[in-house]
Amino acid sequence: MKEIEVLEVPNEKKKKNWLKELLPYVIIVLVVVLIRSFIVTPIQVDGSSMYPTLEDKELLILKKYDKSFDRFDIVVFEYNGVRLIKRVIGLPGETIEYKDNKLYVDGKEVAEEFDRNSKTDDFKLEDIGETTIPEGYYFVMGDNRDNSTDSRIIGLVDKDDIKGSTNLSIFPFDKIGTIN
């Protein structure tokens, strides 16, 4: 019987093979970290301030790259170390008023074409010490007007504090899709 000769791979080659096998995993981790840091990330609704549009514990996709906001967009921002999810109602340069449960922007009635859970009490921008919304700020409100910590309480939101916008629900599964 013939003896089988075992060849040893030098240490250099073992190290190169190990690094070569690890490289794809490192690249995947880096790509995921970059995507979550700069492009999109999941965010969970905490509370009922956006009910009936969004429900407590609903999981959304936050578009971090979106830094241009229109009226009625849903945005996520930081306030006192807490992330809040609200709807943009007033844009820079505008005046905002609610009278008889109707929204008035610069004195003209604007229809809110989304479900709200409650009536909106009369409100003027002057109630928070502003006459118009300054450049770089937004007036935001929750859809559940009776249970929302929003611009009526915390004041205007600085654009720099807004983390991005969201219009996509991914959980619960029966709500997967775009948000109206």
N, C-alpha and C. Protein backbone atom coordinates (compact mmCIF):
# COMPACT_ATOMS: atom_id res chain seq x y z
N MET A 1 0.83 -1.17 0.00
CA MET A 1 0.00 0.00 0.00
C MET A 1 0.88 1.24 0.00
N LYS A 2 0.44 2.20 -0.79
CA LYS A 2 1.19 3.41 -0.96
C LYS A 2 0.79 4.45 0.09
N GLU A 3 1.76 5.11 0.64
CA GLU A 3 1.46 6.17 1.61
C GLU A 3 1.04 7.45 0.90
N ILE A 4 0.05 8.10 1.49
CA ILE A 4 -0.41 9.37 0.92
C ILE A 4 0.38 10.48 1.56
N GLU A 5 0.88 11.30 0.70
CA GLU A 5 1.68 12.43 1.18
C GLU A 5 0.76 13.62 1.44
N VAL A 6 0.84 14.19 2.62
CA VAL A 6 0.02 15.34 2.99
C VAL A 6 0.86 16.60 2.81
N LEU A 7 0.31 17.50 2.03
CA LEU A 7 1.01 18.77 1.82
C LEU A 7 0.43 19.82 2.75
N GLU A 8 1.28 20.54 3.40
CA GLU A 8 0.81 21.61 4.27
C GLU A 8 0.80 22.92 3.52
N VAL A 9 -0.29 23.68 3.75
CA VAL A 9 -0.40 24.99 3.14
C VAL A 9 0.34 25.97 4.06
N PRO A 10 1.19 26.74 3.49
CA PRO A 10 1.91 27.69 4.33
C PRO A 10 0.94 28.65 5.03
N ASN A 11 1.34 29.19 6.19
CA ASN A 11 0.52 30.11 6.97
C ASN A 11 0.05 31.31 6.16
N GLU A 12 0.88 31.82 5.30
CA GLU A 12 0.52 32.97 4.46
C GLU A 12 -0.74 32.67 3.65
N LYS A 13 -0.75 31.50 3.04
CA LYS A 13 -1.88 31.12 2.20
C LYS A 13 -3.15 30.95 3.03
N LYS A 14 -3.04 30.38 4.22
CA LYS A 14 -4.20 30.21 5.10
C LYS A 14 -4.79 31.57 5.45
N LYS A 15 -3.93 32.53 5.77
CA LYS A 15 -4.40 33.86 6.12
C LYS A 15 -5.12 34.51 4.94
N LYS A 16 -4.56 34.38 3.76
CA LYS A 16 -5.17 34.98 2.57
C LYS A 16 -6.53 34.36 2.29
N ASN A 17 -6.64 33.02 2.42
CA ASN A 17 -7.92 32.34 2.19
C ASN A 17 -8.97 32.79 3.20
N TRP A 18 -8.58 32.92 4.46
CA TRP A 18 -9.48 33.36 5.52
C TRP A 18 -9.99 34.76 5.23
N LEU A 19 -9.09 35.68 4.86
CA LEU A 19 -9.50 37.04 4.54
C LEU A 19 -10.38 37.08 3.30
N LYS A 20 -10.05 36.27 2.32
CA LYS A 20 -10.82 36.22 1.09
C LYS A 20 -12.25 35.74 1.37
N GLU A 21 -12.42 34.79 2.27
CA GLU A 21 -13.74 34.28 2.62
C GLU A 21 -14.53 35.29 3.45
N LEU A 22 -13.87 36.07 4.25
CA LEU A 22 -14.53 37.03 5.13
C LEU A 22 -14.95 38.31 4.40
N LEU A 23 -14.26 38.68 3.35
CA LEU A 23 -14.49 39.94 2.64
C LEU A 23 -15.94 40.15 2.20
N PRO A 24 -16.63 39.19 1.60
CA PRO A 24 -18.02 39.43 1.19
C PRO A 24 -18.94 39.79 2.37
N TYR A 25 -18.72 39.17 3.51
CA TYR A 25 -19.53 39.46 4.70
C TYR A 25 -19.28 40.87 5.21
N VAL A 26 -18.04 41.30 5.19
CA VAL A 26 -17.69 42.65 5.61
C VAL A 26 -18.35 43.67 4.68
N ILE A 27 -18.33 43.40 3.39
CA ILE A 27 -18.95 44.31 2.41
C ILE A 27 -20.46 44.39 2.64
N ILE A 28 -21.10 43.25 2.88
CA ILE A 28 -22.54 43.24 3.14
C ILE A 28 -22.88 44.07 4.37
N VAL A 29 -22.14 43.88 5.45
CA VAL A 29 -22.38 44.64 6.68
C VAL A 29 -22.19 46.14 6.42
N LEU A 30 -21.16 46.52 5.71
CA LEU A 30 -20.93 47.94 5.40
C LEU A 30 -22.06 48.54 4.57
N VAL A 31 -22.52 47.80 3.58
CA VAL A 31 -23.61 48.29 2.73
C VAL A 31 -24.88 48.48 3.57
N VAL A 32 -25.20 47.52 4.43
CA VAL A 32 -26.39 47.63 5.28
C VAL A 32 -26.27 48.84 6.21
N VAL A 33 -25.12 49.03 6.82
CA VAL A 33 -24.91 50.17 7.72
C VAL A 33 -25.06 51.49 6.96
N LEU A 34 -24.49 51.58 5.77
CA LEU A 34 -24.61 52.80 4.97
C LEU A 34 -26.06 53.07 4.56
N ILE A 35 -26.78 52.04 4.15
CA ILE A 35 -28.18 52.21 3.76
C ILE A 35 -29.00 52.70 4.95
N ARG A 36 -28.84 52.06 6.10
CA ARG A 36 -29.60 52.47 7.30
C ARG A 36 -29.21 53.85 7.79
N SER A 37 -27.97 54.24 7.60
CA SER A 37 -27.51 55.54 8.10
C SER A 37 -27.94 56.70 7.21
N PHE A 38 -27.99 56.48 5.90
CA PHE A 38 -28.18 57.60 4.99
C PHE A 38 -29.39 57.50 4.06
N ILE A 39 -29.97 56.32 3.89
CA ILE A 39 -31.02 56.19 2.88
C ILE A 39 -32.37 55.86 3.52
N VAL A 40 -32.54 54.68 4.06
CA VAL A 40 -33.81 54.29 4.68
C VAL A 40 -33.53 53.49 5.95
N THR A 41 -34.51 53.52 6.85
CA THR A 41 -34.43 52.74 8.07
C THR A 41 -35.84 52.47 8.58
N PRO A 42 -36.06 51.36 9.24
CA PRO A 42 -37.40 51.14 9.81
C PRO A 42 -37.63 52.02 11.03
N ILE A 43 -38.88 52.40 11.24
CA ILE A 43 -39.25 53.18 12.42
C ILE A 43 -40.61 52.71 12.89
N GLN A 44 -40.78 52.65 14.21
CA GLN A 44 -42.03 52.14 14.77
C GLN A 44 -42.86 53.29 15.35
N VAL A 45 -44.17 53.25 15.08
CA VAL A 45 -45.10 54.23 15.64
C VAL A 45 -45.24 53.95 17.12
N ASP A 46 -45.15 55.02 17.92
CA ASP A 46 -45.29 54.88 19.36
C ASP A 46 -46.43 55.78 19.83
N GLY A 47 -47.58 55.19 20.07
CA GLY A 47 -48.72 55.95 20.55
C GLY A 47 -49.81 56.09 19.50
N SER A 48 -50.82 56.89 19.85
CA SER A 48 -52.01 56.99 18.99
C SER A 48 -52.19 58.38 18.38
N SER A 49 -51.16 59.21 18.38
CA SER A 49 -51.33 60.59 17.89
C SER A 49 -51.59 60.69 16.40
N MET A 50 -51.29 59.64 15.63
CA MET A 50 -51.54 59.66 14.19
C MET A 50 -52.70 58.75 13.79
N TYR A 51 -53.44 58.24 14.78
CA TYR A 51 -54.60 57.40 14.50
C TYR A 51 -55.68 58.23 13.83
N PRO A 52 -56.37 57.77 12.83
CA PRO A 52 -56.47 56.43 12.30
C PRO A 52 -55.48 56.13 11.16
N THR A 53 -54.71 57.11 10.73
CA THR A 53 -53.77 56.88 9.63
C THR A 53 -52.73 55.84 10.01
N LEU A 54 -52.13 56.01 11.17
CA LEU A 54 -51.11 55.08 11.67
C LEU A 54 -51.55 54.57 13.04
N GLU A 55 -51.23 53.32 13.30
CA GLU A 55 -51.59 52.72 14.58
C GLU A 55 -50.36 52.45 15.42
N ASP A 56 -50.56 52.42 16.73
CA ASP A 56 -49.49 52.12 17.67
C ASP A 56 -48.80 50.81 17.28
N LYS A 57 -47.48 50.81 17.30
CA LYS A 57 -46.62 49.65 16.98
C LYS A 57 -46.51 49.36 15.48
N GLU A 58 -47.14 50.17 14.63
CA GLU A 58 -47.02 49.96 13.19
C GLU A 58 -45.58 50.26 12.78
N LEU A 59 -45.05 49.47 11.85
CA LEU A 59 -43.67 49.62 11.40
C LEU A 59 -43.67 50.28 10.02
N LEU A 60 -42.88 51.35 9.91
CA LEU A 60 -42.81 52.15 8.69
C LEU A 60 -41.38 52.19 8.17
N ILE A 61 -41.22 52.64 6.93
CA ILE A 61 -39.90 52.88 6.37
C ILE A 61 -39.68 54.39 6.33
N LEU A 62 -38.65 54.86 7.00
CA LEU A 62 -38.28 56.27 7.04
C LEU A 62 -37.31 56.55 5.91
N LYS A 63 -37.67 57.50 5.04
CA LYS A 63 -36.79 57.91 3.94
C LYS A 63 -35.90 59.05 4.44
N LYS A 64 -34.69 58.72 4.82
CA LYS A 64 -33.77 59.72 5.38
C LYS A 64 -33.26 60.69 4.32
N TYR A 65 -33.24 60.26 3.08
CA TYR A 65 -32.73 61.10 2.00
C TYR A 65 -33.71 62.21 1.63
N ASP A 66 -34.97 62.09 2.02
CA ASP A 66 -36.00 63.06 1.65
C ASP A 66 -35.93 64.27 2.57
N LYS A 67 -35.48 65.39 2.04
CA LYS A 67 -35.35 66.61 2.85
C LYS A 67 -36.19 67.75 2.29
N SER A 68 -37.15 67.41 1.44
CA SER A 68 -38.06 68.39 0.86
C SER A 68 -39.47 67.96 1.24
N PHE A 69 -40.18 68.80 1.99
CA PHE A 69 -41.46 68.39 2.56
C PHE A 69 -42.60 69.25 2.03
N ASP A 70 -43.69 68.59 1.70
CA ASP A 70 -44.89 69.25 1.21
C ASP A 70 -45.99 69.14 2.25
N ARG A 71 -47.03 69.95 2.06
CA ARG A 71 -48.16 69.90 2.97
C ARG A 71 -48.76 68.49 2.97
N PHE A 72 -49.06 68.00 4.14
CA PHE A 72 -49.67 66.71 4.42
C PHE A 72 -48.70 65.53 4.35
N ASP A 73 -47.41 65.76 4.08
CA ASP A 73 -46.42 64.69 4.20
C ASP A 73 -46.32 64.26 5.66
N ILE A 74 -46.02 63.00 5.88
CA ILE A 74 -45.80 62.50 7.24
C ILE A 74 -44.30 62.49 7.47
N VAL A 75 -43.87 63.18 8.54
CA VAL A 75 -42.45 63.33 8.82
C VAL A 75 -42.11 62.80 10.21
N VAL A 76 -40.84 62.49 10.40
CA VAL A 76 -40.32 62.04 11.68
C VAL A 76 -39.27 63.05 12.13
N PHE A 77 -39.38 63.50 13.38
CA PHE A 77 -38.42 64.48 13.90
C PHE A 77 -38.13 64.20 15.36
N GLU A 78 -37.03 64.79 15.82
CA GLU A 78 -36.63 64.64 17.22
C GLU A 78 -37.17 65.81 18.03
N TYR A 79 -37.72 65.50 19.20
CA TYR A 79 -38.14 66.53 20.15
C TYR A 79 -37.82 66.02 21.54
N ASN A 80 -36.93 66.73 22.24
CA ASN A 80 -36.50 66.33 23.59
C ASN A 80 -36.05 64.87 23.65
N GLY A 81 -35.29 64.44 22.66
CA GLY A 81 -34.73 63.10 22.65
C GLY A 81 -35.70 62.00 22.25
N VAL A 82 -36.91 62.38 21.82
CA VAL A 82 -37.93 61.40 21.42
C VAL A 82 -38.26 61.63 19.95
N ARG A 83 -38.41 60.54 19.22
CA ARG A 83 -38.82 60.67 17.81
C ARG A 83 -40.34 60.75 17.74
N LEU A 84 -40.82 61.78 17.07
CA LEU A 84 -42.26 61.97 16.89
C LEU A 84 -42.60 61.83 15.41
N ILE A 85 -43.79 61.33 15.14
CA ILE A 85 -44.28 61.18 13.77
C ILE A 85 -45.52 62.05 13.64
N LYS A 86 -45.48 63.01 12.74
CA LYS A 86 -46.59 63.96 12.55
C LYS A 86 -46.77 64.28 11.08
N ARG A 87 -47.83 65.02 10.79
CA ARG A 87 -48.14 65.42 9.43
C ARG A 87 -47.82 66.91 9.26
N VAL A 88 -47.17 67.27 8.15
CA VAL A 88 -46.87 68.68 7.86
C VAL A 88 -48.17 69.37 7.47
N ILE A 89 -48.48 70.46 8.18
CA ILE A 89 -49.69 71.23 7.90
C ILE A 89 -49.31 72.59 7.31
N GLY A 90 -48.30 73.24 7.89
CA GLY A 90 -47.90 74.56 7.44
C GLY A 90 -46.46 74.60 6.97
N LEU A 91 -46.24 75.32 5.87
CA LEU A 91 -44.91 75.44 5.24
C LEU A 91 -44.30 76.81 5.54
N PRO A 92 -42.99 76.96 5.36
CA PRO A 92 -42.34 78.25 5.59
C PRO A 92 -43.02 79.37 4.79
N GLY A 93 -43.23 80.52 5.47
CA GLY A 93 -43.82 81.69 4.84
C GLY A 93 -45.33 81.76 4.91
N GLU A 94 -45.98 80.74 5.47
CA GLU A 94 -47.44 80.70 5.51
C GLU A 94 -47.99 81.10 6.87
N THR A 95 -49.26 81.48 6.87
CA THR A 95 -50.02 81.64 8.11
C THR A 95 -51.00 80.48 8.19
N ILE A 96 -51.24 80.01 9.40
CA ILE A 96 -52.11 78.85 9.62
C ILE A 96 -53.18 79.21 10.62
N GLU A 97 -54.40 78.76 10.33
CA GLU A 97 -55.50 78.96 11.26
C GLU A 97 -56.49 77.81 11.09
N TYR A 98 -57.04 77.35 12.21
CA TYR A 98 -58.15 76.42 12.20
C TYR A 98 -59.34 77.16 12.77
N LYS A 99 -60.43 77.13 12.04
CA LYS A 99 -61.66 77.77 12.50
C LYS A 99 -62.82 76.87 12.10
N ASP A 100 -63.65 76.55 13.07
CA ASP A 100 -64.80 75.67 12.83
C ASP A 100 -64.38 74.35 12.17
N ASN A 101 -63.28 73.79 12.66
CA ASN A 101 -62.76 72.51 12.21
C ASN A 101 -62.26 72.53 10.76
N LYS A 102 -61.96 73.70 10.23
CA LYS A 102 -61.45 73.82 8.86
C LYS A 102 -60.08 74.49 8.90
N LEU A 103 -59.18 74.02 8.01
CA LEU A 103 -57.83 74.57 7.90
C LEU A 103 -57.84 75.75 6.93
N TYR A 104 -57.20 76.84 7.36
CA TYR A 104 -57.02 78.01 6.50
C TYR A 104 -55.52 78.29 6.40
N VAL A 105 -55.03 78.35 5.17
CA VAL A 105 -53.64 78.67 4.90
C VAL A 105 -53.63 80.01 4.17
N ASP A 106 -52.95 80.99 4.76
CA ASP A 106 -52.93 82.35 4.21
C ASP A 106 -54.34 82.87 3.94
N GLY A 107 -55.27 82.52 4.85
CA GLY A 107 -56.64 83.02 4.76
C GLY A 107 -57.56 82.24 3.84
N LYS A 108 -57.04 81.23 3.12
CA LYS A 108 -57.86 80.44 2.19
C LYS A 108 -58.05 79.04 2.74
N GLU A 109 -59.29 78.56 2.63
CA GLU A 109 -59.59 77.22 3.13
C GLU A 109 -58.86 76.16 2.29
N VAL A 110 -58.26 75.19 2.99
CA VAL A 110 -57.56 74.07 2.34
C VAL A 110 -58.17 72.78 2.88
N ALA A 111 -58.63 71.93 1.98
CA ALA A 111 -59.24 70.66 2.39
C ALA A 111 -58.18 69.68 2.88
N GLU A 112 -58.46 69.05 4.00
CA GLU A 112 -57.59 67.99 4.52
C GLU A 112 -58.19 66.66 4.06
N GLU A 113 -57.57 66.04 3.08
CA GLU A 113 -58.13 64.83 2.47
C GLU A 113 -57.53 63.56 3.06
N PHE A 114 -57.55 63.49 4.37
CA PHE A 114 -57.12 62.30 5.09
C PHE A 114 -58.01 62.17 6.30
N ASP A 115 -58.09 60.96 6.84
CA ASP A 115 -58.95 60.73 8.00
C ASP A 115 -58.34 61.35 9.24
N ARG A 116 -59.17 62.02 9.99
CA ARG A 116 -58.77 62.52 11.31
C ARG A 116 -59.65 61.85 12.34
N ASN A 117 -59.11 61.66 13.51
CA ASN A 117 -59.86 60.96 14.55
C ASN A 117 -60.76 61.89 15.35
N SER A 118 -60.55 63.18 15.23
CA SER A 118 -61.32 64.10 16.07
C SER A 118 -61.38 65.48 15.43
N LYS A 119 -62.20 66.30 16.01
CA LYS A 119 -62.36 67.68 15.57
C LYS A 119 -61.11 68.48 15.96
N THR A 120 -60.77 69.47 15.15
CA THR A 120 -59.64 70.34 15.47
C THR A 120 -60.18 71.62 16.08
N ASP A 121 -59.76 71.88 17.33
CA ASP A 121 -60.19 73.11 18.00
C ASP A 121 -59.65 74.32 17.26
N ASP A 122 -60.36 75.45 17.41
CA ASP A 122 -59.91 76.70 16.78
C ASP A 122 -58.48 77.01 17.24
N PHE A 123 -57.67 77.46 16.30
CA PHE A 123 -56.26 77.72 16.57
C PHE A 123 -55.74 78.73 15.56
N LYS A 124 -54.87 79.63 16.03
CA LYS A 124 -54.16 80.55 15.14
C LYS A 124 -52.68 80.43 15.43
N LEU A 125 -51.88 80.68 14.42
CA LEU A 125 -50.43 80.64 14.58
C LEU A 125 -49.98 81.60 15.68
N GLU A 126 -50.70 82.69 15.84
CA GLU A 126 -50.38 83.67 16.89
C GLU A 126 -50.46 83.06 18.28
N ASP A 127 -51.23 81.96 18.43
CA ASP A 127 -51.36 81.30 19.73
C ASP A 127 -50.02 80.75 20.23
N ILE A 128 -49.08 80.53 19.30
CA ILE A 128 -47.75 80.06 19.72
C ILE A 128 -46.70 81.15 19.51
N GLY A 129 -47.16 82.38 19.31
CA GLY A 129 -46.25 83.52 19.24
C GLY A 129 -45.67 83.81 17.87
N GLU A 130 -46.27 83.30 16.82
CA GLU A 130 -45.77 83.54 15.46
C GLU A 130 -46.88 84.19 14.62
N THR A 131 -46.48 84.98 13.64
CA THR A 131 -47.46 85.52 12.69
C THR A 131 -47.40 84.73 11.39
N THR A 132 -46.20 84.37 10.97
CA THR A 132 -46.00 83.48 9.82
C THR A 132 -44.94 82.46 10.19
N ILE A 133 -44.93 81.38 9.46
CA ILE A 133 -43.93 80.33 9.72
C ILE A 133 -42.62 80.79 9.11
N PRO A 134 -41.55 80.92 9.91
CA PRO A 134 -40.26 81.39 9.39
C PRO A 134 -39.63 80.36 8.43
N GLU A 135 -38.73 80.86 7.61
CA GLU A 135 -37.98 79.99 6.68
C GLU A 135 -37.26 78.91 7.49
N GLY A 136 -37.32 77.67 7.00
CA GLY A 136 -36.62 76.57 7.67
C GLY A 136 -37.42 75.91 8.78
N TYR A 137 -38.71 76.29 8.93
CA TYR A 137 -39.56 75.71 9.98
C TYR A 137 -40.86 75.20 9.38
N TYR A 138 -41.50 74.26 10.11
CA TYR A 138 -42.76 73.67 9.67
C TYR A 138 -43.73 73.60 10.84
N PHE A 139 -45.01 73.69 10.52
CA PHE A 139 -46.08 73.49 11.49
C PHE A 139 -46.61 72.08 11.28
N VAL A 140 -46.56 71.24 12.31
CA VAL A 140 -46.95 69.84 12.19
C VAL A 140 -48.05 69.50 13.20
N MET A 141 -48.89 68.53 12.82
CA MET A 141 -49.95 68.07 13.72
C MET A 141 -50.14 66.57 13.54
N GLY A 142 -50.63 65.93 14.59
CA GLY A 142 -51.04 64.54 14.50
C GLY A 142 -52.45 64.46 13.95
N ASP A 143 -52.82 63.32 13.39
CA ASP A 143 -54.18 63.15 12.86
C ASP A 143 -55.20 62.96 13.97
N ASN A 144 -54.76 62.51 15.12
CA ASN A 144 -55.63 62.35 16.29
C ASN A 144 -55.50 63.63 17.11
N ARG A 145 -56.21 64.65 16.70
CA ARG A 145 -56.01 66.01 17.22
C ARG A 145 -56.21 66.16 18.72
N ASP A 146 -57.04 65.30 19.33
CA ASP A 146 -57.25 65.37 20.78
C ASP A 146 -56.12 64.74 21.57
N ASN A 147 -55.27 63.96 20.91
CA ASN A 147 -54.23 63.22 21.62
C ASN A 147 -52.91 63.33 20.87
N SER A 148 -52.46 64.57 20.61
CA SER A 148 -51.24 64.75 19.84
C SER A 148 -50.39 65.88 20.41
N THR A 149 -49.15 65.54 20.71
CA THR A 149 -48.18 66.56 21.09
C THR A 149 -47.57 67.05 19.78
N ASP A 150 -48.04 68.22 19.33
CA ASP A 150 -47.63 68.72 18.03
C ASP A 150 -47.31 70.21 18.11
N SER A 151 -47.25 70.89 16.99
CA SER A 151 -46.83 72.30 16.96
C SER A 151 -47.71 73.21 17.80
N ARG A 152 -48.94 72.82 18.06
CA ARG A 152 -49.80 73.63 18.94
C ARG A 152 -49.24 73.68 20.36
N ILE A 153 -48.45 72.66 20.71
CA ILE A 153 -47.89 72.56 22.06
C ILE A 153 -46.38 72.83 22.06
N ILE A 154 -45.65 72.19 21.15
CA ILE A 154 -44.18 72.28 21.16
C ILE A 154 -43.64 73.39 20.26
N GLY A 155 -44.51 74.03 19.48
CA GLY A 155 -44.06 75.08 18.58
C GLY A 155 -43.66 74.52 17.22
N LEU A 156 -43.09 75.37 16.42
CA LEU A 156 -42.69 75.00 15.06
C LEU A 156 -41.51 74.03 15.09
N VAL A 157 -41.39 73.22 14.05
CA VAL A 157 -40.33 72.22 13.97
C VAL A 157 -39.28 72.70 12.98
N ASP A 158 -38.03 72.73 13.44
CA ASP A 158 -36.90 73.12 12.61
C ASP A 158 -36.63 72.03 11.58
N LYS A 159 -36.42 72.43 10.33
CA LYS A 159 -36.15 71.48 9.26
C LYS A 159 -34.94 70.59 9.60
N ASP A 160 -33.96 71.14 10.30
CA ASP A 160 -32.77 70.36 10.67
C ASP A 160 -33.09 69.24 11.66
N ASP A 161 -34.20 69.35 12.37
CA ASP A 161 -34.60 68.30 13.32
C ASP A 161 -35.40 67.18 12.65
N ILE A 162 -35.85 67.40 11.41
CA ILE A 162 -36.63 66.40 10.71
C ILE A 162 -35.68 65.35 10.13
N LYS A 163 -35.91 64.10 10.50
CA LYS A 163 -35.06 62.98 10.08
C LYS A 163 -35.40 62.48 8.68
N GLY A 164 -36.62 62.75 8.23
CA GLY A 164 -37.06 62.31 6.91
C GLY A 164 -38.56 62.17 6.88
N SER A 165 -39.06 61.61 5.79
CA SER A 165 -40.50 61.43 5.65
C SER A 165 -40.81 59.94 5.49
N THR A 166 -42.08 59.61 5.63
CA THR A 166 -42.49 58.22 5.47
C THR A 166 -43.83 58.16 4.76
N ASN A 167 -43.97 57.19 3.90
CA ASN A 167 -45.26 56.92 3.27
C ASN A 167 -45.42 55.44 2.96
N LEU A 168 -44.64 54.61 3.67
CA LEU A 168 -44.68 53.16 3.42
C LEU A 168 -44.76 52.40 4.74
N SER A 169 -45.81 51.59 4.87
CA SER A 169 -45.99 50.74 6.04
C SER A 169 -45.56 49.32 5.67
N ILE A 170 -44.83 48.66 6.59
CA ILE A 170 -44.38 47.30 6.31
C ILE A 170 -44.88 46.28 7.33
N PHE A 171 -45.49 46.75 8.43
CA PHE A 171 -46.05 45.84 9.42
C PHE A 171 -47.08 46.60 10.25
N PRO A 172 -48.21 46.01 10.56
CA PRO A 172 -48.64 44.63 10.34
C PRO A 172 -48.86 44.35 8.85
N PHE A 173 -48.82 43.08 8.53
CA PHE A 173 -48.86 42.68 7.13
C PHE A 173 -50.13 43.11 6.40
N ASP A 174 -51.25 43.23 7.12
CA ASP A 174 -52.48 43.65 6.45
C ASP A 174 -52.47 45.13 6.10
N LYS A 175 -51.45 45.88 6.56
CA LYS A 175 -51.34 47.30 6.23
C LYS A 175 -50.14 47.60 5.32
N ILE A 176 -49.49 46.57 4.78
CA ILE A 176 -48.34 46.79 3.90
C ILE A 176 -48.76 47.63 2.71
N GLY A 177 -47.97 48.65 2.44
CA GLY A 177 -48.26 49.49 1.28
C GLY A 177 -48.07 50.95 1.59
N THR A 178 -48.46 51.79 0.64
CA THR A 178 -48.32 53.22 0.83
C THR A 178 -49.40 53.75 1.76
N ILE A 179 -49.05 54.80 2.46
CA ILE A 179 -49.95 55.42 3.42
C ILE A 179 -50.68 56.56 2.71
N ASN A 180 -51.98 56.60 2.89
CA ASN A 180 -52.78 57.67 2.27
C ASN A 180 -52.62 58.97 3.05
